[in-house]
């Protein structure tokens, strides 16, 4: 979500109708993605793992695509992150994320 790229239709409404709230969210985003200790690529891999663990297909796909396009994250790096998902969230979350990654690979 770096550079004010927020996913979800709700954020459009927040930006248009609640600009003060949107500004706070942007500032929170900037604080979360500082790259002070963990670089942004590592933080993106964590984000991919989190949304995959939640079985959020749309967010998983968007996080994967942005990581690949913006940061050059490789399929192998994503799979390493998804291995943690397998251990912590189980087979359904892992296989769903692997399917999404396979679909993305075909599209790109």
Protein backbone atom coordinates (compact mmCIF):
# COMPACT_ATOMS: atom_id res chain seq x y z
CA UNK A 1 0.00 0.00 0.00
CA UNK A 2 2.93 2.34 -0.43
CA UNK A 3 2.40 5.56 -2.36
CA UNK A 4 -1.31 5.78 -1.53
CA UNK A 5 -2.31 2.63 -3.40
CA UNK A 6 -5.22 1.34 -1.36
CA UNK A 7 -7.30 -1.63 -2.39
CA UNK A 8 -10.99 -1.86 -1.84
CA UNK A 9 -13.92 0.16 -3.07
CA UNK A 10 -14.50 1.54 0.41
CA UNK A 11 -11.30 3.59 0.26
CA UNK A 12 -12.65 5.57 -2.69
CA UNK A 13 -15.61 6.60 -0.57
CA UNK A 14 -13.37 7.50 2.36
CA UNK A 15 -11.13 9.62 0.11
CA UNK A 16 -14.08 11.47 -1.42
CA UNK A 17 -16.37 11.91 1.57
CA UNK A 18 -14.01 11.79 4.56
CA UNK A 19 -10.75 13.41 3.45
CA UNK A 20 -9.56 13.98 7.04
CA UNK A 21 -9.89 10.26 7.80
CA UNK A 22 -8.22 9.39 4.51
CA UNK A 23 -5.28 11.63 5.42
CA UNK A 24 -4.85 9.79 8.73
CA UNK A 25 -4.88 6.44 6.91
CA UNK A 26 -2.21 7.70 4.48
CA UNK A 27 -0.05 8.82 7.42
CA UNK A 28 -0.51 5.44 9.12
CA UNK A 29 0.51 3.76 5.87
CA UNK A 30 3.66 5.89 5.74
CA UNK A 31 4.53 5.00 9.34
CA UNK A 32 3.92 1.28 8.79
CA UNK A 33 6.02 1.09 5.62
CA UNK A 34 9.13 3.00 6.73
CA UNK A 35 11.76 0.50 5.64
CA UNK A 36 13.82 1.41 8.69
CA UNK A 37 14.56 -2.13 9.78
CA UNK A 38 12.69 -4.34 7.34
CA UNK A 39 12.90 -3.22 3.74
CA UNK A 40 9.69 -2.63 1.81
CA UNK A 41 10.08 -5.87 -0.14
CA UNK A 42 10.15 -7.89 3.07
CA UNK A 43 7.16 -5.96 4.39
CA UNK A 44 5.27 -6.71 1.16
CA UNK A 45 6.01 -10.44 1.55
CA UNK A 46 4.62 -10.24 5.08
CA UNK A 47 1.50 -8.51 3.74
CA UNK A 48 1.11 -11.24 1.11
CA UNK A 49 1.35 -13.92 3.78
CA UNK A 50 -1.16 -12.17 6.04
CA UNK A 51 -3.85 -11.75 3.40
CA UNK A 52 -3.22 -15.29 2.14
CA UNK A 53 -3.60 -16.63 5.68
CA UNK A 54 -6.95 -14.82 5.90
CA UNK A 55 -8.03 -16.51 2.62
CA UNK A 56 -8.79 -13.09 1.14
CA UNK A 57 -8.52 -13.92 -2.55
CA UNK A 58 -8.87 -10.39 -3.89
CA UNK A 59 -6.32 -8.89 -1.49
CA UNK A 60 -3.94 -11.81 -2.02
CA UNK A 61 -4.02 -11.35 -5.77
CA UNK A 62 -3.58 -7.58 -5.57
CA UNK A 63 -0.74 -7.82 -3.05
CA UNK A 64 1.03 -10.44 -5.16
CA UNK A 65 0.65 -8.47 -8.39
CA UNK A 66 1.86 -5.22 -6.86
CA UNK A 67 4.81 -7.00 -5.24
CA UNK A 68 5.81 -8.60 -8.52
CA UNK A 69 5.36 -5.46 -10.62
CA UNK A 70 6.63 -2.81 -8.21
CA UNK A 71 9.33 -4.66 -6.32
CA UNK A 72 10.36 -7.52 -8.58
CA UNK A 73 9.31 -10.11 -6.03
CA UNK A 74 9.81 -13.56 -7.52
CA UNK A 75 7.50 -16.53 -7.49
CA UNK A 76 10.03 -18.35 -5.32
CA UNK A 77 10.02 -15.56 -2.73
CA UNK A 78 6.24 -15.63 -2.59
CA UNK A 79 6.26 -19.40 -2.21
CA UNK A 80 8.68 -19.07 0.72
CA UNK A 81 6.21 -16.70 2.39
CA UNK A 82 3.34 -19.08 1.61
CA UNK A 83 5.19 -21.95 3.28
CA UNK A 84 4.79 -20.02 6.53
CA UNK A 85 1.09 -19.67 5.72
CA UNK A 86 0.91 -23.45 5.32
CA UNK A 87 2.41 -23.97 8.77
CA UNK A 88 0.40 -21.31 10.54
CA UNK A 89 -2.94 -21.29 8.73
CA UNK A 90 -3.17 -24.70 7.13
CA UNK A 91 -3.59 -26.34 3.77
CA UNK A 92 -6.75 -24.52 2.55
CA UNK A 93 -5.18 -21.05 2.85
CA UNK A 94 -1.93 -22.29 1.32
CA UNK A 95 -3.50 -24.05 -1.67
CA UNK A 96 -5.80 -21.11 -2.37
CA UNK A 97 -2.82 -18.75 -2.44
CA UNK A 98 -0.82 -21.14 -4.62
CA UNK A 99 -3.71 -21.25 -7.09
CA UNK A 100 -3.82 -17.46 -7.18
CA UNK A 101 -0.06 -17.27 -7.74
CA UNK A 102 -0.34 -19.78 -10.59
CA UNK A 103 -3.14 -17.72 -12.21
CA UNK A 104 -1.06 -14.55 -11.90
CA UNK A 105 1.93 -16.24 -13.48
CA UNK A 106 -0.20 -17.12 -16.50
CA UNK A 107 -1.55 -13.55 -16.77
CA UNK A 108 1.80 -11.78 -16.54
